[in-house]
Protein backbone atom coordinates (compact mmCIF):
# COMPACT_ATOMS: atom_id res chain seq x y z
CA MET A 1 -18.23 45.49 43.34
CA SER A 2 -16.03 42.66 43.57
CA LEU A 3 -15.57 40.63 47.36
CA LEU A 4 -12.01 39.60 45.96
CA SER A 5 -10.07 41.15 43.13
CA VAL A 6 -6.42 39.86 42.50
CA ASP A 7 -4.43 42.08 39.70
CA GLY A 8 -1.35 41.43 38.09
CA LEU A 9 -0.08 39.32 40.68
CA ASP A 10 3.31 37.99 40.63
CA CYS A 11 4.77 35.02 43.15
CA ARG A 12 8.41 33.99 43.58
CA TYR A 13 10.52 31.59 45.53
CA GLY A 14 13.94 32.99 44.71
CA LEU A 15 14.16 33.04 40.42
CA LEU A 16 11.41 30.74 40.57
CA GLN A 17 8.38 32.43 39.30
CA ALA A 18 5.83 30.34 40.15
CA VAL A 19 2.80 33.08 39.74
CA ARG A 20 2.56 34.88 36.65
CA ASP A 21 0.76 38.10 36.32
CA VAL A 22 -2.13 36.63 37.49
CA SER A 23 -5.81 38.47 37.21
CA PHE A 24 -9.33 37.69 38.46
CA GLU A 25 -12.12 38.82 41.04
CA ILE A 26 -14.36 36.98 42.91
CA ASN A 27 -18.48 38.17 43.80
CA ASN A 28 -20.40 37.21 46.97
CA GLY A 29 -21.94 34.02 46.95
CA GLU A 30 -19.60 32.62 44.30
CA THR A 31 -17.63 29.39 43.84
CA LEU A 32 -14.60 29.55 42.06
CA ALA A 33 -12.97 26.48 41.34
CA LEU A 34 -8.83 26.76 40.95
CA ILE A 35 -7.42 24.11 38.66
CA GLY A 36 -4.94 22.91 37.23
CA ALA A 37 -1.72 20.36 37.44
CA ASN A 38 1.00 19.67 40.65
CA GLY A 39 3.11 23.29 40.14
CA ALA A 40 0.60 25.17 38.22
CA GLY A 41 1.09 27.98 40.93
CA LYS A 42 -2.10 27.45 42.48
CA THR A 43 -1.62 26.91 46.01
CA THR A 44 1.04 29.80 45.77
CA LEU A 45 -2.21 32.19 44.71
CA LEU A 46 -4.06 30.60 47.53
CA ARG A 47 -1.21 31.55 50.10
CA ALA A 48 -0.51 35.05 48.41
CA ILE A 49 -4.19 35.79 48.70
CA ALA A 50 -4.27 34.29 52.84
CA GLY A 51 -0.88 36.75 53.43
CA ALA A 52 0.99 33.46 53.71
CA HIS A 53 3.34 34.46 50.82
CA ARG A 54 4.49 37.98 50.11
CA PRO A 55 4.17 38.71 46.38
CA HIS A 56 6.55 40.30 44.24
CA GLY A 57 4.21 42.01 42.56
CA GLY A 58 0.46 43.44 41.55
CA ARG A 59 -2.39 43.79 44.21
CA ILE A 60 -4.98 42.31 46.61
CA THR A 61 -7.77 44.25 46.81
CA TYR A 62 -10.77 42.65 49.32
CA ASN A 63 -13.79 44.26 49.84
CA GLY A 64 -12.52 47.62 48.26
CA ARG A 65 -9.27 47.27 50.71
CA ASP A 66 -5.73 47.13 49.61
CA ILE A 67 -4.66 44.28 51.87
CA GLY A 68 -1.24 43.59 50.21
CA GLY A 69 0.79 44.51 53.19
CA LEU A 70 -1.69 42.81 55.47
CA ALA A 71 -0.19 40.45 57.74
CA ALA A 72 -2.17 36.93 57.87
CA HIS A 73 -3.98 37.29 61.31
CA ARG A 74 -5.16 41.06 59.91
CA ARG A 75 -6.86 39.27 56.91
CA VAL A 76 -8.57 36.51 58.97
CA GLY A 77 -10.05 39.84 61.10
CA LEU A 78 -11.46 40.84 58.04
CA GLY A 79 -13.08 37.64 56.86
CA LEU A 80 -10.20 35.70 55.06
CA ALA A 81 -10.00 31.99 56.19
CA LEU A 82 -7.26 29.67 54.55
CA VAL A 83 -7.78 25.39 54.76
CA PRO A 84 -4.54 24.80 54.08
CA GLU A 85 -3.16 21.78 51.92
CA GLY A 86 -1.89 19.60 54.69
CA ARG A 87 -4.36 20.41 57.34
CA ARG A 88 -2.21 21.40 60.01
CA LEU A 89 -4.23 20.42 63.03
CA PHE A 90 -3.02 20.93 66.77
CA PRO A 91 -2.39 17.47 67.32
CA GLY A 92 -2.01 17.71 71.17
CA LEU A 93 -5.58 19.54 71.43
CA THR A 94 -9.21 18.03 70.95
CA VAL A 95 -11.21 18.66 67.92
CA GLU A 96 -13.38 20.85 70.26
CA GLU A 97 -10.47 22.47 71.13
CA ASN A 98 -9.27 22.88 67.55
CA LEU A 99 -12.86 24.28 66.78
CA ARG A 100 -12.66 26.78 69.19
CA ILE A 101 -9.24 28.50 68.66
CA ALA A 102 -10.24 29.94 65.36
CA ALA A 103 -13.79 31.17 67.06
CA ARG A 104 -14.49 35.23 66.79
CA GLY A 105 -17.52 36.69 67.35
CA LEU A 106 -20.47 35.80 69.65
CA GLY A 107 -24.27 35.31 67.71
CA ARG A 108 -22.55 34.23 64.34
CA ARG A 109 -23.75 31.27 62.24
CA TRP A 110 -20.38 28.93 62.54
CA THR A 111 -20.53 27.27 66.31
CA VAL A 112 -18.86 24.33 67.73
CA GLN A 113 -22.46 23.19 67.62
CA THR A 114 -23.33 24.02 63.79
CA VAL A 115 -19.77 22.39 62.73
CA LEU A 116 -20.31 19.57 63.94
CA ASP A 117 -24.31 19.09 63.06
CA LEU A 118 -22.43 19.78 58.89
CA PHE A 119 -19.83 16.97 59.82
CA PRO A 120 -21.64 14.60 61.85
CA ILE A 121 -18.26 12.14 61.96
CA LEU A 122 -16.95 14.63 64.67
CA GLN A 123 -19.66 14.82 67.05
CA PRO A 124 -18.47 10.72 68.28
CA ARG A 125 -14.97 12.64 67.95
CA ARG A 126 -14.95 15.96 69.69
CA HIS A 127 -13.21 14.97 73.10
CA ALA A 128 -10.43 12.64 71.25
CA VAL A 129 -6.74 14.42 69.66
CA ALA A 130 -6.25 15.31 66.69
CA ALA A 131 -3.75 13.44 65.94
CA SER A 132 -5.88 10.47 66.69
CA LEU A 133 -7.82 11.08 63.51
CA SER A 134 -7.86 10.02 60.33
CA GLY A 135 -7.33 12.22 57.41
CA GLY A 136 -11.31 12.46 56.44
CA GLU A 137 -11.92 13.45 60.03
CA GLN A 138 -8.90 15.71 60.25
CA GLN A 139 -9.83 17.68 56.83
CA ALA A 140 -13.73 18.02 58.62
CA VAL A 141 -11.93 19.38 61.61
CA ALA A 142 -9.60 21.82 59.21
CA ILE A 143 -12.73 22.94 57.09
CA GLY A 144 -14.30 23.48 60.52
CA ARG A 145 -11.67 25.29 62.62
CA ALA A 146 -11.40 27.84 59.16
CA LEU A 147 -16.01 28.05 59.37
CA MET A 148 -15.50 29.04 63.34
CA GLY A 149 -14.16 31.85 62.20
CA ASN A 150 -17.37 33.20 60.39
CA PRO A 151 -15.45 34.36 57.11
CA SER A 152 -16.73 35.91 54.21
CA LEU A 153 -14.52 34.42 51.69
CA LEU A 154 -13.35 30.65 52.42
CA LEU A 155 -10.30 29.64 50.83
CA LEU A 156 -9.75 25.57 50.29
CA ASP A 157 -6.95 23.86 49.29
CA GLU A 158 -6.79 20.53 47.67
CA VAL A 159 -9.26 19.31 50.04
CA SER A 160 -9.51 15.88 48.20
CA LEU A 161 -5.90 15.46 48.48
CA GLY A 162 -4.49 11.90 50.40
CA LEU A 163 -8.11 10.94 50.81
CA ALA A 164 -10.43 7.41 50.24
CA PRO A 165 -12.93 8.31 47.46
CA VAL A 166 -15.52 8.05 50.05
CA VAL A 167 -14.51 10.16 51.95
CA VAL A 168 -13.96 12.73 49.83
CA ASP A 169 -17.74 12.04 48.93
CA ALA A 170 -18.45 12.74 52.46
CA VAL A 171 -16.31 15.91 52.57
CA TYR A 172 -17.41 17.28 49.21
CA ARG A 173 -21.45 16.49 50.53
CA SER A 174 -20.37 18.66 53.55
CA LEU A 175 -18.91 21.57 51.04
CA LYS A 176 -22.50 22.00 49.33
CA ASP A 177 -24.13 22.67 52.11
CA ILE A 178 -21.59 25.46 53.14
CA ILE A 179 -22.12 26.26 49.42
CA ALA A 180 -25.73 26.60 49.65
CA GLU A 181 -25.85 28.94 52.77
CA GLY A 182 -24.44 31.39 50.22
CA ALA A 183 -20.52 30.95 50.90
CA THR A 184 -18.30 32.55 48.96
CA VAL A 185 -15.61 29.58 48.08
CA LEU A 186 -12.29 29.71 46.51
CA LEU A 187 -10.94 26.56 46.17
CA VAL A 188 -8.10 24.36 44.72
CA GLU A 189 -8.40 21.08 43.02
CA GLN A 190 -6.67 18.94 40.53
CA ASP A 191 -10.09 16.39 40.09
CA LEU A 192 -11.90 18.23 37.59
CA THR A 193 -14.69 16.43 38.08
CA ARG A 194 -15.35 17.57 41.57
CA ALA A 195 -14.09 20.93 40.82
CA LEU A 196 -16.75 21.59 37.93
CA LYS A 197 -19.44 19.85 39.97
CA VAL A 198 -19.74 22.81 42.83
CA ALA A 199 -17.85 25.46 41.42
CA THR A 200 -19.92 28.29 39.09
CA ARG A 201 -17.00 29.47 37.48
CA VAL A 202 -13.44 27.97 36.56
CA LEU A 203 -9.87 29.00 36.41
CA CYS A 204 -7.21 27.40 35.01
CA MET A 205 -3.82 27.53 35.39
CA LEU A 206 -0.67 26.37 33.71
CA GLU A 207 3.28 26.95 34.68
CA GLY A 208 1.86 30.29 36.81
CA ARG A 209 0.00 31.95 34.50
CA ILE A 210 -4.09 31.33 33.99
CA VAL A 211 -5.13 30.05 30.63
CA LEU A 212 -8.42 29.32 30.78
CA GLU A 213 -11.43 31.17 32.41
CA GLY A 214 -15.56 30.46 31.88
CA GLU A 215 -18.64 29.60 33.87
CA ALA A 216 -18.62 25.65 34.45
CA ARG A 217 -21.67 24.26 33.50
CA SER A 218 -20.51 26.01 30.03
CA LEU A 219 -17.16 25.21 29.52
CA ASP A 220 -16.34 22.17 27.20
CA ARG A 221 -15.27 19.93 28.80
CA ASP A 222 -12.35 18.81 26.48
CA ARG A 223 -11.00 22.46 26.53
CA VAL A 224 -10.74 22.34 30.35
CA VAL A 225 -8.23 19.28 29.93
CA SER A 226 -6.62 20.26 27.25
CA ALA A 227 -6.05 23.78 28.96
CA TYR A 228 -4.88 21.62 32.26
CA PHE A 229 -2.32 19.48 30.82
CA GLY A 230 -1.01 22.41 27.75
CA LEU A 231 -2.26 20.64 25.42
CA ARG A 232 -3.09 21.86 22.15
CA ARG A 233 -6.79 21.47 20.76
CA PRO A 234 -6.73 19.35 17.08
CA ALA A 235 -8.48 21.69 14.60
């Protein structure tokens, strides 16, 4: 049985339909990269799964349970954690306070110390307020805060957005460590190269629909680029 199943999902903002009849599944231990240009519907889809956007139609099943009617905090309790675009930390709280506020349960894998071990750049900044952090440090805290809930499914929205390449490299090194430990990840990413390197499977969205799906290692890059931009491949 799949960990997450999305079936015929439709999402709207008023008359604008952002997600159109989207269906896919994620299995335990899988890393699924959701790619596409701006406006493709990726973030809306992720928010709908996390409970931050109410779908107009379709079904979301998690661990065999229909969660379409559950509030976002109830989904967190079931093991879903979202790292939103823009990080959305508590700016007046310290790094450690931002982490502790999301802690769930004792004796679990992810604690303040294991998160700091995963992101060494945060160790000397653990008592600094979030507002004083660099973009890369804030992103590390945002991912660490999600891990503190010890989720079964980690939803990552544009983790590289607005960061310098050297910082993105560091974030992705840590992400590989998370994946290596068996985490199940749904990653929204515009950077095709990075997405294809970490993912086991790729979905490409265009104008709210899935237009390409396949195993990351076997997908032809030209085919992915064509789907990404909505181009027809030459015969």
